Every structure is written in structure tokens, then in C-alpha cells.
Amino acid sequence: MGIRAGTTRLLRWAAGLFLLLLVVVFALRAYDVQRGPALRPWHVHVPPEMDRAAMAGADWEAWMAAEARAFAAVRREVTDRLDPEDRVPANRFFADSPLNPAGFPQDWNRSVILMPEGPPQGAAVLVHGMTDAPYSMRHLAELYRARGWVAVVPRMPGHGTVPAGLTDATWEDWAAATRLAVRAARARAGAGRPLHLVGYSNGGALVMKHALDAIEDPSLDAPQRLVLVSPMVGVTAFARFAGIAGLPALLPAFAGAAWLDLLPEFNPYKFNSFPVNAARQSHQLTAALQEQTRRLAAAGRLDGLAPVLTFQSVVDATVSTPAIVNALYALLPANGSELVLFDLNRDAKLGPLISPQAAQAVDRLLPPAPQRFRMTRITNVTPDSAEVMAEVTEAGETATRMVPLDLAWPRELYSLSHIALPFPVDDWLYGLVPDPADGVGFNLGALAARGERGVLVTGLDTLMRISSNPFFPYLRDRVAEGIPPGAAGQRANGTPGSPVGRAAHDANRAGTADAMAVR
């Protein structure tokens, strides 16, 4: 009895301590919210979206009609009702703002299907990331179309409209939208044509989840190839407990606690504000993905999985790079998969300013050979050279071969980032050397954020993060290798032989500052 009574007292003490900590966290979070910015209309109005039960039986036309209703609601409930202080050029939701994508030649916040010139030779579904829009899949989608394939780029529910949409969306909604897009792609390509699934960040988790679901459900269309760009296989530990940060939002006075970031919305194709629910859904999706991968691997059922080609920066502040290696590639069968890691710029000359953890990241990540998959590391030819090469270790082998790439680090970059990989340096919005013929004259990627504090509407962290990929020509060509071109195939926009491709290549070689001076 004494032991049982002691155990009961200990449990009561632990429960009391937990409740006390919860109250303290609640109070501190509520205090922090009260000191933060106020919620704006785009943080409050949740536009209507097709629910996943309806998506299960809907076709593309029904999806587009529902999407049109969501955007009409944003125009009616947000844009047309803005207070005078919100009617400013830096607000993408202001109708007369140069950043309002409704005034662009094409609004890449909306779902889109790119059809080739001739009969489709295959179908690709390309899924964007969290807080993103179909724009992040634009360049790879255009590559598929140029090779004679139909490219379906769906907008995930809660995205593209207003950030408030992400307070209500779930990962199951996104999975249902991915299935709908696959059905639309198959309907347009026809039976017997190959299917590729391409996913960026959160979209990488979604297309991987669809491929695993197709193993367990024969009624689903299984892909013949998977391409993942900065995939969200795992997230930070904070995302697991993000829901605690949102607890004060249960009281109307602390509604701001439902948001981890409340920032100005100046990016036409990405939300800057970030709700607690988005972090929770990311964690739940990656947990479901990892559990299913482990279960199917243990049952020996991954043998039917398509080859997976993944591109990932060794340093990534958004997703867990180790999870890609340990929770995905370590479980894959010998099916022709490959992991491509972009190393740090060893020629950055930043010395002790580079953290030891970052400097040693690639050595900790790459497992010892041999492995069942090909390992490729994009790194400097020498520590004193900006030129890069590919260090390739074939599946089942231990020897490494060096492949020159004829690409180089721009002088001002010390690494890539999570958001950089799917964009070439000539992208009009995110590129280091934006192409003036491709866009509306506004660029975020080439800004030299140096000046006095308090001038910009956003913090410097947002602008200092590299948003385009100097090695996109390599990424694009590696993706293109697996796309059999049809009769409608043609040179893709941005290839080294095109004017855009040459400008990007020259910028890589000469350094962005010199290239911009020449332009």
C-alpha cells in the first residue's frame, strides 16, 4: 500500500507540475500575442473550399469551379472591404497594388494544366509546398510540357487565396486534391501513358504519400517516377508541439495565438504569415508518411515503388534533411533511386562565421557506401574554387567518380536554401538575375538588402535567404533525363542553348554583380 500511495502522490505531483507549466506557457503566449500585430482581414476570412468527400468524386472542371468561388469570396470579403490603411502598394490583397497577382498576365496562384502542342506522351502532376502556390512548380511544369507531356499543377486547399485558408485546411484535404489532379492528368494523357509525380517541400510528402497509397490501393494510379525537391519527409520538433502555442486562441481576445507569424503580405505567390495549424498539419503528414513507409518496408511491399529522384540542400531551415536519408532512402529497395545533395559553398571565404554543424553537415548526412541508391553530392571542385562538380557513388558501389558540371557558385552565396531549389536564377520574381522579358517588373531575389533599419516593410531575414538556384540547369537536366520526349518535344525554356539559359549560365560563371552590370 505504501508503494502504491507513493506512486499516486508522484503522479499527482507530475500532473500538477504539467498543468502549472501549461498555465505559464498559456500566459506567456497570451502576453506575447497582445504585444504583436493585429489580425488583418486576410488572417480572419476563410474562403470556401471543396471538401475532401466532394473531391473524391469530382473532376477537374468541378474543382476549377470551386476554386473560382474561393477567389471570388476573397475579392468580395477581403479586397473590396480593405480599410484605408491596408490600401497600400505593398499589400498583395489591395486591388491596385502592383503585387496583386490578379493583374498579372497569368495568376499562378490558381490551378493550371499545361498541354503540349501535340498528343500527350505522358502525364506529370506537380504539387507545390506549404504557404506556396502553383508558381513554385512553374519551371518544371513547363519542362514537362516542352517534352510533349501534359503537366497538371493543382493548387492545394487553403493556399493561393489568403493565409486564413491555412487555419482550416488539413493534410487529408491536400491528399484528396492530389488524387483529383492525378485523375485529371490520366484523363488528359490517356490510358497506357506514363505518369510522373513531382513534389516540392510539403508537395514532396504528398506525392510520396500518393505513391505509397497506390501500393495499398490498386484503384489509385501509381507513378512510374517520383521527383522530390526539398521534400518534407520530416519537420522540426517544434512542429509537433505547435498546437500548444495556439491554445490561447480558444479565447477570442487572443485570436492572434493561432498564428506563429503575422507579417506583411507582399509576395504575390507565397504567404508570409504562418498559422499554427499549418505547422500541425505538416507534422501529422510527415508522421503518417514515415509510419506508412516503415510499415510497407517491413512487409517487403516497397519493391513495387517507382524510382525516387530527390534534390536537397544539406542545410535546410524548413525540413529535416536527415529524415530524408534515414526515414526514406534507408528503406527504399534497389530500384534505381538517387539522392542529390547540394553542399555548402566551400569557396565562400567566411571561415569561422560558418557554424561547425553546417560545415560538417554533408559528412554526417551521407551514409557510408555501398547503398541501394545512387548518391550524388554537388560540391566545389576544390575548396579554393567556385567551380562545382558532381561526386557520384553508384548504387552497390564504394568508388566515387567526379563529373564536371561547368557551373559555379555566385560569389555572394555561401549555401542554397529550402526555398531556392525549384527556381532558376533568371526567374522574374525570385531570381538573382531576373529576366526582364519574363514578369511584371518586381523582384525579390535580386534585392541587395543593405541600408538603414526601419525602411523596409519586412525583416531582413526574409530577403537574405537565397530564393533561386544557380544549379537549376543541372536539376532541370537531371529531371529531363527521365522524360521521354514525344513528337511535340522541343527545347525547354531556360536550357543552356537558349538566350535565357545562356544568361543564367553566364551569371553563374561571372558572379551576379558582374552579370547585372552587363545587363
Protein backbone atom coordinates (compact mmCIF):
# COMPACT_ATOMS: atom_id res chain seq x y z
CA MET A 1 0.00 0.00 0.00
CA GLY A 2 2.86 2.36 0.81
CA ILE A 3 4.41 1.92 -2.63
CA ARG A 4 1.05 2.44 -4.33
CA ALA A 5 0.35 5.58 -2.30
CA GLY A 6 3.81 6.93 -3.11
CA THR A 7 3.28 6.29 -6.81
CA THR A 8 -0.10 8.04 -6.68
CA ARG A 9 1.44 11.09 -4.97
CA LEU A 10 4.22 11.17 -7.57
CA LEU A 11 1.71 11.04 -10.43
CA ARG A 12 -0.37 13.80 -8.85
CA TRP A 13 2.75 15.91 -8.39
CA ALA A 14 3.78 15.35 -12.02
CA ALA A 15 0.27 16.20 -13.23
CA GLY A 16 0.23 19.34 -11.12
CA LEU A 17 3.62 20.38 -12.44
CA PHE A 18 2.47 19.80 -16.03
CA LEU A 19 -0.66 21.89 -15.50
CA LEU A 20 1.43 24.66 -13.93
CA LEU A 21 3.79 24.66 -16.90
CA LEU A 22 0.82 24.71 -19.25
CA VAL A 23 -0.63 27.73 -17.44
CA VAL A 24 2.73 29.52 -17.60
CA VAL A 25 3.07 28.78 -21.33
CA PHE A 26 -0.52 29.93 -21.87
CA ALA A 27 0.09 33.19 -20.01
CA LEU A 28 3.38 33.95 -21.76
CA ARG A 29 1.91 33.17 -25.17
CA ALA A 30 -1.16 35.32 -24.47
CA TYR A 31 1.08 38.18 -23.36
CA ASP A 32 3.22 37.86 -26.45
CA VAL A 33 0.14 37.89 -28.69
CA GLN A 34 -1.17 41.06 -27.10
CA ARG A 35 2.12 42.79 -27.90
CA GLY A 36 2.11 41.59 -31.53
CA PRO A 37 0.45 42.98 -34.65
CA ALA A 38 -3.31 42.92 -35.04
CA LEU A 39 -5.07 40.42 -37.28
CA ARG A 40 -5.98 41.78 -40.70
CA PRO A 41 -8.89 40.66 -42.92
CA TRP A 42 -6.71 38.14 -44.77
CA HIS A 43 -5.99 36.49 -41.40
CA VAL A 44 -9.66 36.22 -40.50
CA HIS A 45 -11.72 35.37 -43.60
CA VAL A 46 -11.58 31.69 -44.55
CA PRO A 47 -12.68 31.25 -48.17
CA PRO A 48 -14.86 28.24 -49.08
CA GLU A 49 -13.02 25.18 -50.40
CA MET A 50 -14.28 21.88 -51.81
CA ASP A 51 -14.23 19.31 -49.01
CA ARG A 52 -12.35 16.05 -49.45
CA ALA A 53 -15.54 13.98 -49.68
CA ALA A 54 -16.59 16.07 -52.69
CA MET A 55 -13.08 15.91 -54.14
CA ALA A 56 -13.21 12.12 -54.11
CA GLY A 57 -15.85 12.18 -56.85
CA ALA A 58 -15.09 15.48 -58.58
CA ASP A 59 -13.48 16.07 -61.94
CA TRP A 60 -11.15 18.92 -62.92
CA GLU A 61 -13.96 21.15 -64.13
CA ALA A 62 -15.77 20.90 -60.80
CA TRP A 63 -12.51 21.61 -58.99
CA MET A 64 -11.89 24.74 -61.07
CA ALA A 65 -15.44 25.96 -60.45
CA ALA A 66 -14.97 25.55 -56.69
CA GLU A 67 -11.63 27.33 -56.91
CA ALA A 68 -13.24 30.24 -58.75
CA ARG A 69 -15.77 30.58 -55.91
CA ALA A 70 -12.94 30.71 -53.37
CA PHE A 71 -11.16 33.52 -55.22
CA ALA A 72 -14.44 35.39 -55.72
CA ALA A 73 -15.04 35.23 -51.97
CA VAL A 74 -11.57 36.69 -51.33
CA ARG A 75 -12.31 39.55 -53.70
CA ARG A 76 -15.70 40.18 -52.09
CA GLU A 77 -14.82 39.70 -48.42
CA VAL A 78 -11.21 40.93 -48.31
CA THR A 79 -10.10 43.01 -51.28
CA ASP A 80 -13.29 45.05 -51.63
CA ARG A 81 -13.53 45.69 -47.87
CA LEU A 82 -9.99 46.76 -47.01
CA ASP A 83 -9.56 49.59 -44.55
CA PRO A 84 -7.76 52.69 -45.88
CA GLU A 85 -4.54 51.77 -44.02
CA ASP A 86 -4.47 48.43 -45.90
CA ARG A 87 -4.85 50.01 -49.35
CA VAL A 88 -1.12 50.32 -49.93
CA PRO A 89 1.15 49.16 -52.77
CA ALA A 90 2.98 46.68 -50.52
CA ASN A 91 -0.22 44.70 -49.85
CA ARG A 92 -0.89 41.98 -52.44
CA PHE A 93 -4.59 41.97 -51.48
CA PHE A 94 -5.08 45.63 -52.45
CA ALA A 95 -6.73 45.67 -55.89
CA ASP A 96 -4.49 48.47 -57.22
CA SER A 97 -1.24 47.07 -55.82
CA PRO A 98 1.43 46.18 -58.39
CA LEU A 99 1.83 42.98 -56.36
CA ASN A 100 -1.78 41.87 -56.78
CA PRO A 101 -1.48 38.75 -58.98
CA ALA A 102 -4.99 39.22 -60.34
CA GLY A 103 -3.47 41.89 -62.57
CA PHE A 104 -0.67 39.67 -63.91
CA PRO A 105 -0.85 38.08 -67.39
CA GLN A 106 -1.38 34.74 -65.59
CA ASP A 107 -2.24 34.29 -61.92
CA TRP A 108 -0.09 31.36 -60.82
CA ASN A 109 -1.96 31.15 -57.52
CA ARG A 110 -4.59 29.13 -59.38
CA SER A 111 -4.55 25.52 -60.52
CA VAL A 112 -3.36 25.10 -64.08
CA ILE A 113 -2.96 22.43 -66.75
CA LEU A 114 -0.23 22.90 -69.36
CA MET A 115 -0.98 20.98 -72.54
CA PRO A 116 1.70 20.11 -75.12
CA GLU A 117 1.45 21.06 -78.77
CA GLY A 118 0.67 17.52 -79.90
CA PRO A 119 -0.87 14.42 -78.32
CA PRO A 120 0.46 13.97 -74.76
CA GLN A 121 3.27 11.43 -74.45
CA GLY A 122 2.77 11.19 -70.70
CA ALA A 123 1.34 12.99 -67.69
CA ALA A 124 3.00 14.78 -64.79
CA VAL A 125 1.36 16.05 -61.61
CA LEU A 126 3.40 18.72 -59.85
CA VAL A 127 2.46 19.67 -56.27
CA HIS A 128 3.67 22.86 -54.57
CA GLY A 129 4.75 23.39 -50.98
CA MET A 130 3.34 24.84 -47.77
CA THR A 131 2.20 28.51 -47.96
CA ASP A 132 3.21 28.34 -51.63
CA ALA A 133 1.26 28.37 -54.87
CA PRO A 134 1.45 26.55 -58.22
CA TYR A 135 4.02 29.18 -59.25
CA SER A 136 6.76 27.21 -57.47
CA MET A 137 6.16 24.34 -59.92
CA ARG A 138 6.03 26.56 -62.98
CA HIS A 139 9.51 25.92 -64.39
CA LEU A 140 9.40 22.15 -64.03
CA ALA A 141 5.86 22.06 -65.39
CA GLU A 142 6.97 23.98 -68.46
CA LEU A 143 9.81 21.49 -68.88
CA TYR A 144 7.33 18.62 -69.00
CA ARG A 145 5.11 20.44 -71.46
CA ALA A 146 8.10 21.21 -73.70
CA ARG A 147 8.89 17.48 -73.75
CA GLY A 148 5.40 16.69 -75.02
CA TRP A 149 3.76 15.81 -71.71
CA VAL A 150 0.65 17.21 -70.06
CA ALA A 151 1.54 18.95 -66.78
CA VAL A 152 -1.16 19.27 -64.11
CA VAL A 153 -0.32 21.76 -61.34
CA PRO A 154 -3.07 21.82 -58.67
CA ARG A 155 -3.50 24.48 -56.01
CA MET A 156 -3.68 22.79 -52.64
CA PRO A 157 -6.72 23.79 -50.49
CA GLY A 158 -6.01 26.75 -48.24
CA HIS A 159 -3.27 28.09 -50.50
CA GLY A 160 -3.13 30.88 -53.05
CA THR A 161 -6.15 32.77 -51.68
CA VAL A 162 -5.48 34.27 -48.22
CA PRO A 163 -3.37 32.96 -45.32
CA ALA A 164 -6.53 32.37 -43.27
CA GLY A 165 -7.28 29.46 -45.57
CA LEU A 166 -4.48 27.53 -43.88
CA THR A 167 -6.15 27.82 -40.48
CA ASP A 168 -8.84 25.39 -41.68
CA ALA A 169 -7.07 23.11 -44.18
CA THR A 170 -5.89 19.58 -43.34
CA TRP A 171 -3.31 17.32 -44.92
CA GLU A 172 -6.09 14.91 -45.82
CA ASP A 173 -7.60 17.73 -47.94
CA TRP A 174 -4.28 18.10 -49.75
CA ALA A 175 -4.03 14.35 -50.30
CA ALA A 176 -7.54 14.36 -51.80
CA ALA A 177 -6.61 17.26 -54.09
CA THR A 178 -3.52 15.35 -55.22
CA ARG A 179 -5.65 12.33 -56.12
CA LEU A 180 -8.04 14.58 -58.05
CA ALA A 181 -5.10 16.04 -60.01
CA VAL A 182 -3.80 12.54 -60.81
CA ARG A 183 -7.22 11.59 -62.20
CA ALA A 184 -7.25 14.77 -64.29
CA ALA A 185 -3.77 14.02 -65.63
CA ARG A 186 -4.72 10.48 -66.56
CA ALA A 187 -7.90 11.66 -68.28
CA ARG A 188 -5.90 14.03 -70.49
CA ALA A 189 -2.92 11.78 -71.23
CA GLY A 190 -4.95 8.64 -71.86
CA ALA A 191 -4.52 5.09 -70.68
CA GLY A 192 -1.12 3.49 -71.03
CA ARG A 193 0.85 6.74 -70.90
CA PRO A 194 3.50 7.07 -68.15
CA LEU A 195 2.74 9.09 -65.03
CA HIS A 196 5.30 11.14 -63.07
CA LEU A 197 4.67 12.76 -59.69
CA VAL A 198 6.77 15.81 -58.79
CA GLY A 199 6.58 17.44 -55.38
CA TYR A 200 8.26 20.40 -53.72
CA SER A 201 8.53 20.62 -49.91
CA ASN A 202 5.10 19.71 -48.48
CA GLY A 203 4.17 18.65 -52.00
CA GLY A 204 7.02 16.15 -51.90
CA ALA A 205 5.40 14.47 -48.90
CA LEU A 206 2.03 14.47 -50.68
CA VAL A 207 3.21 12.82 -53.90
CA MET A 208 5.24 10.29 -51.90
CA LYS A 209 2.15 9.54 -49.83
CA HIS A 210 0.11 9.04 -53.00
CA ALA A 211 2.69 6.58 -54.36
CA LEU A 212 2.57 4.59 -51.11
CA ASP A 213 -1.23 4.68 -51.06
CA ALA A 214 -1.23 3.28 -54.61
CA ILE A 215 0.73 0.27 -53.36
CA GLU A 216 -2.04 -0.46 -50.86
CA ASP A 217 -4.95 0.60 -53.08
CA PRO A 218 -4.82 -0.79 -56.64
CA SER A 219 -7.62 1.58 -57.70
CA LEU A 220 -5.18 4.50 -57.50
CA ASP A 221 -2.94 5.39 -60.43
CA ALA A 222 0.65 4.53 -59.48
CA PRO A 223 3.51 6.68 -60.82
CA GLN A 224 6.40 5.34 -62.85
CA ARG A 225 8.71 8.03 -61.46
CA LEU A 226 8.89 10.30 -58.41
CA VAL A 227 10.82 13.59 -58.33
CA LEU A 228 11.15 15.29 -54.94
CA VAL A 229 12.56 18.80 -54.42
CA SER A 230 13.35 19.76 -50.80
CA PRO A 231 10.76 17.17 -49.68
CA MET A 232 9.08 17.43 -46.29
CA VAL A 233 9.79 13.90 -45.08
CA GLY A 234 10.43 15.23 -41.58
CA VAL A 235 9.99 18.58 -39.82
CA THR A 236 11.47 20.23 -36.76
CA ALA A 237 10.49 19.03 -33.29
CA PHE A 238 8.69 22.35 -32.67
CA ALA A 239 6.02 21.47 -35.25
CA ARG A 240 4.95 18.52 -33.08
CA PHE A 241 4.05 20.86 -30.21
CA ALA A 242 2.88 23.84 -32.28
CA GLY A 243 -0.69 23.23 -31.14
CA ILE A 244 0.27 24.29 -27.61
CA ALA A 245 1.26 27.72 -28.93
CA GLY A 246 -2.25 28.09 -30.32
CA LEU A 247 -4.12 27.27 -27.10
CA PRO A 248 -4.83 30.91 -26.13
CA ALA A 249 -6.69 31.30 -29.43
CA LEU A 250 -9.53 29.36 -27.80
CA LEU A 251 -10.38 32.72 -26.20
CA PRO A 252 -11.49 35.38 -28.74
CA ALA A 253 -9.33 38.04 -27.09
CA PHE A 254 -6.22 36.04 -28.01
CA ALA A 255 -7.15 35.02 -31.56
CA GLY A 256 -3.68 36.04 -32.69
CA ALA A 257 -2.26 33.00 -30.89
CA ALA A 258 -3.48 30.89 -33.82
CA TRP A 259 -0.55 32.38 -35.78
CA LEU A 260 3.16 31.73 -35.45
CA ASP A 261 3.99 34.65 -37.79
CA LEU A 262 1.93 37.71 -38.69
CA LEU A 263 3.81 39.51 -41.45
CA PRO A 264 3.06 41.90 -44.32
CA GLU A 265 1.79 40.08 -47.41
CA PHE A 266 3.91 41.49 -50.23
CA ASN A 267 4.79 38.22 -52.00
CA PRO A 268 2.26 37.60 -54.80
CA TYR A 269 2.83 33.82 -54.80
CA LYS A 270 3.61 32.90 -51.21
CA PHE A 271 2.10 33.68 -47.81
CA ASN A 272 4.43 35.34 -45.32
CA SER A 273 2.07 34.82 -42.37
CA PHE A 274 2.09 31.31 -40.93
CA PRO A 275 -0.69 29.78 -38.80
CA VAL A 276 -0.23 27.20 -36.07
CA ASN A 277 -2.46 24.79 -37.98
CA ALA A 278 -0.04 24.71 -40.92
CA ALA A 279 2.75 23.51 -38.63
CA ARG A 280 0.45 20.90 -37.06
CA GLN A 281 -0.66 19.57 -40.44
CA SER A 282 2.96 19.35 -41.63
CA HIS A 283 3.87 17.27 -38.61
CA GLN A 284 0.83 15.00 -38.97
CA LEU A 285 1.52 14.45 -42.68
CA THR A 286 5.18 13.58 -42.14
CA ALA A 287 4.29 11.30 -39.22
CA ALA A 288 1.76 9.45 -41.40
CA LEU A 289 4.26 9.24 -44.26
CA GLN A 290 7.06 7.86 -42.10
CA GLU A 291 4.79 5.31 -40.42
CA GLN A 292 3.47 4.05 -43.77
CA THR A 293 6.98 3.87 -45.26
CA ARG A 294 8.25 1.82 -42.30
CA ARG A 295 5.24 -0.48 -42.39
CA LEU A 296 5.45 -1.19 -46.11
CA ALA A 297 9.22 -1.66 -45.94
CA ALA A 298 8.86 -4.16 -43.09
CA ALA A 299 6.27 -6.07 -45.12
CA GLY A 300 8.52 -6.12 -48.20
CA ARG A 301 5.97 -4.17 -50.21
CA LEU A 302 8.18 -1.27 -51.37
CA ASP A 303 9.56 -3.35 -54.24
CA GLY A 304 6.81 -2.03 -56.47
CA LEU A 305 7.63 1.61 -55.71
CA ALA A 306 8.81 3.78 -58.61
CA PRO A 307 12.39 5.16 -58.59
CA VAL A 308 12.74 8.30 -56.48
CA LEU A 309 14.98 11.20 -57.53
CA THR A 310 15.46 13.74 -54.73
CA PHE A 311 17.20 17.13 -54.74
CA GLN A 312 18.03 18.55 -51.32
CA SER A 313 20.26 21.24 -49.81
CA VAL A 314 22.41 19.88 -46.98
CA VAL A 315 21.41 22.94 -44.94
CA ASP A 316 17.66 23.47 -44.72
CA ALA A 317 15.88 25.50 -42.04
CA THR A 318 12.42 24.25 -43.03
CA VAL A 319 12.60 20.47 -43.36
CA SER A 320 14.77 17.78 -41.82
CA THR A 321 17.46 16.67 -44.26
CA PRO A 322 18.47 13.71 -42.02
CA ALA A 323 14.87 12.44 -42.20
CA ILE A 324 15.16 12.19 -46.00
CA VAL A 325 18.15 9.89 -45.58
CA ASN A 326 17.05 7.90 -42.54
CA ALA A 327 13.25 7.76 -42.87
CA LEU A 328 13.04 7.39 -46.64
CA TYR A 329 16.18 6.42 -48.56
CA ALA A 330 17.39 3.96 -45.94
CA LEU A 331 14.17 2.00 -46.53
CA LEU A 332 14.00 2.11 -50.33
CA PRO A 333 14.65 -1.03 -52.38
CA ALA A 334 17.31 -1.19 -55.08
CA ASN A 335 15.02 0.34 -57.71
CA GLY A 336 17.22 2.98 -59.34
CA SER A 337 16.58 5.76 -56.83
CA GLU A 338 19.03 8.63 -56.35
CA LEU A 339 19.68 11.29 -53.70
CA VAL A 340 21.31 14.55 -54.85
CA LEU A 341 22.70 16.78 -52.10
CA PHE A 342 23.80 20.38 -52.69
CA ASP A 343 26.77 21.12 -50.43
CA LEU A 344 27.82 24.48 -48.95
CA ASN A 345 29.98 26.82 -51.00
CA ARG A 346 33.43 25.82 -49.75
CA ASP A 347 34.88 28.87 -51.53
CA ALA A 348 32.75 31.37 -49.58
CA LYS A 349 35.75 32.53 -47.51
CA LEU A 350 33.61 33.01 -44.41
CA GLY A 351 35.91 30.93 -42.21
CA PRO A 352 34.81 30.93 -38.55
CA LEU A 353 31.46 32.53 -39.43
CA ILE A 354 30.27 29.17 -40.79
CA SER A 355 28.94 27.09 -37.91
CA PRO A 356 30.73 23.76 -37.32
CA GLN A 357 27.39 21.94 -37.60
CA ALA A 358 26.77 23.39 -41.07
CA ALA A 359 30.34 22.84 -42.25
CA GLN A 360 30.15 19.15 -41.34
CA ALA A 361 26.53 18.61 -42.40
CA VAL A 362 27.19 16.71 -45.61
CA ASP A 363 29.67 14.34 -43.96
CA ARG A 364 27.13 13.49 -41.27
CA LEU A 365 24.32 13.02 -43.78
CA LEU A 366 25.83 10.78 -46.41
CA PRO A 367 25.79 7.16 -45.24
CA PRO A 368 28.86 5.02 -45.94
CA ALA A 369 28.84 3.21 -49.27
CA PRO A 370 27.66 0.86 -50.61
CA GLN A 371 23.97 1.79 -50.56
CA ARG A 372 20.95 0.59 -52.52
CA PHE A 373 20.62 4.02 -54.15
CA ARG A 374 22.91 6.34 -56.08
CA MET A 375 24.41 9.15 -54.00
CA THR A 376 25.38 12.43 -55.68
CA ARG A 377 27.00 15.39 -53.97
CA ILE A 378 27.24 18.76 -55.74
CA THR A 379 30.31 20.46 -54.31
CA ASN A 380 33.28 22.68 -55.12
CA VAL A 381 35.99 21.19 -57.34
CA THR A 382 38.45 22.41 -54.68
CA PRO A 383 37.92 24.49 -51.53
CA ASP A 384 39.54 27.43 -53.33
CA SER A 385 37.43 27.22 -56.48
CA ALA A 386 33.87 28.39 -57.15
CA GLU A 387 33.57 25.75 -59.90
CA VAL A 388 31.42 22.78 -58.91
CA MET A 389 31.35 19.11 -59.76
CA ALA A 390 29.18 16.10 -59.01
CA GLU A 391 30.66 13.40 -56.77
CA VAL A 392 28.73 10.28 -57.77
CA THR A 393 28.66 6.95 -55.97
CA GLU A 394 26.63 4.37 -57.84
CA ALA A 395 24.24 2.06 -56.03
CA GLY A 396 26.03 -1.00 -54.70
CA GLU A 397 29.49 0.52 -55.21
CA THR A 398 32.05 2.22 -52.98
CA ALA A 399 34.10 4.07 -55.58
CA THR A 400 33.27 7.72 -56.28
CA ARG A 401 33.63 9.35 -59.67
CA MET A 402 33.92 13.09 -60.31
CA VAL A 403 31.74 14.68 -63.01
CA PRO A 404 32.49 18.30 -64.01
CA LEU A 405 29.34 20.42 -64.39
CA ASP A 406 30.54 23.67 -65.99
CA LEU A 407 28.65 25.58 -63.28
CA ALA A 408 29.90 27.74 -60.42
CA TRP A 409 28.81 29.37 -57.20
CA PRO A 410 27.99 33.09 -57.46
CA ARG A 411 30.48 34.89 -55.24
CA GLU A 412 27.94 36.19 -52.71
CA LEU A 413 26.33 32.84 -51.86
CA TYR A 414 27.51 30.53 -49.09
CA SER A 415 24.73 27.92 -49.45
CA LEU A 416 21.39 27.14 -51.02
CA SER A 417 18.17 27.21 -49.02
CA HIS A 418 14.92 25.30 -48.77
CA ILE A 419 13.05 27.79 -50.94
CA ALA A 420 15.73 28.15 -53.66
CA LEU A 421 15.84 24.79 -55.41
CA PRO A 422 12.88 24.94 -57.87
CA PHE A 423 13.71 28.39 -59.27
CA PRO A 424 16.36 29.31 -61.89
CA VAL A 425 18.41 32.46 -61.36
CA ASP A 426 16.52 34.18 -64.20
CA ASP A 427 13.11 33.74 -62.54
CA TRP A 428 11.41 37.15 -62.66
CA LEU A 429 10.23 37.03 -59.02
CA TYR A 430 12.86 35.02 -57.12
CA GLY A 431 15.90 35.05 -59.41
CA LEU A 432 19.31 36.59 -58.74
CA VAL A 433 19.42 37.76 -62.37
CA PRO A 434 15.74 38.20 -63.32
CA ASP A 435 14.83 38.05 -66.97
CA PRO A 436 13.17 41.41 -67.83
CA ALA A 437 11.07 39.74 -70.51
CA ASP A 438 9.54 37.31 -68.01
CA GLY A 439 7.46 39.11 -65.42
CA VAL A 440 5.95 42.36 -64.25
CA GLY A 441 8.98 44.30 -63.09
CA PHE A 442 9.01 43.29 -59.41
CA ASN A 443 11.74 41.06 -58.00
CA LEU A 444 12.52 39.70 -54.54
CA GLY A 445 15.55 37.55 -55.28
CA ALA A 446 17.99 40.20 -56.51
CA LEU A 447 17.41 42.80 -53.81
CA ALA A 448 20.62 43.92 -52.10
CA ALA A 449 19.16 44.35 -48.63
CA ARG A 450 21.64 46.86 -47.27
CA GLY A 451 20.57 50.17 -45.75
CA GLU A 452 19.10 51.61 -42.57
CA ARG A 453 16.75 49.81 -40.21
CA GLY A 454 13.03 50.55 -40.31
CA VAL A 455 12.87 51.35 -44.03
CA LEU A 456 11.56 48.02 -45.39
CA VAL A 457 8.15 46.56 -44.58
CA THR A 458 9.71 43.19 -43.79
CA GLY A 459 12.61 41.88 -41.76
CA LEU A 460 15.99 41.29 -43.37
CA ASP A 461 15.82 37.53 -42.70
CA THR A 462 13.21 37.20 -45.44
CA LEU A 463 15.32 38.99 -48.04
CA MET A 464 18.70 37.48 -47.10
CA ARG A 465 17.51 33.91 -47.71
CA ILE A 466 18.56 32.86 -51.21
CA SER A 467 15.45 32.24 -53.31
CA SER A 468 16.86 30.86 -56.58
CA ASN A 469 19.17 28.04 -57.53
CA PRO A 470 22.40 28.67 -59.50
CA PHE A 471 22.47 24.93 -60.20
CA PHE A 472 18.93 24.78 -61.58
CA PRO A 473 20.31 23.90 -65.06
CA TYR A 474 21.71 20.70 -63.53
CA LEU A 475 18.46 19.96 -61.68
CA ARG A 476 16.41 20.60 -64.80
CA ASP A 477 18.61 18.41 -66.98
CA ARG A 478 18.51 15.55 -64.48
CA VAL A 479 14.70 15.72 -64.41
CA ALA A 480 14.62 15.90 -68.22
CA GLU A 481 16.69 12.70 -68.49
CA GLY A 482 13.70 10.73 -67.26
CA ILE A 483 11.12 12.38 -69.54
CA PRO A 484 10.98 10.56 -72.88
CA PRO A 485 10.23 13.32 -75.42
CA GLY A 486 7.41 12.88 -77.87
CA ALA A 487 6.87 14.26 -81.33
CA ALA A 488 5.81 17.54 -79.73
CA GLY A 489 9.02 17.75 -77.72
CA GLN A 490 11.04 20.93 -78.13
CA ARG A 491 13.82 22.83 -76.41
CA ALA A 492 12.70 23.76 -72.92
CA ASN A 493 12.76 27.38 -71.77
CA GLY A 494 15.99 28.11 -69.92
CA THR A 495 18.14 25.34 -71.40
CA PRO A 496 21.81 26.22 -71.89
CA GLY A 497 21.22 26.69 -75.63
CA SER A 498 18.51 29.33 -75.18
CA PRO A 499 19.13 33.05 -74.53
CA VAL A 500 17.66 32.74 -71.04
CA GLY A 501 19.80 29.71 -70.29
CA ARG A 502 22.95 31.41 -71.50
CA ALA A 503 22.23 34.47 -69.35
CA ALA A 504 21.72 32.29 -66.29
CA HIS A 505 24.84 30.27 -67.06
CA ASP A 506 26.92 33.41 -67.57
CA ALA A 507 25.62 34.79 -64.28
CA ASN A 508 26.72 31.63 -62.50
CA ARG A 509 30.17 31.87 -64.03
CA ALA A 510 30.87 35.57 -63.69
CA GLY A 511 29.08 36.39 -60.47
CA THR A 512 25.72 38.05 -60.11
CA ALA A 513 27.02 41.58 -59.64
CA ASP A 514 29.05 41.50 -62.86
CA ALA A 515 26.18 39.93 -64.79
CA MET A 516 23.75 42.58 -63.62
CA ALA A 517 26.18 45.32 -64.64
CA VAL A 518 26.43 43.85 -68.14
CA ARG A 519 22.65 43.66 -68.46
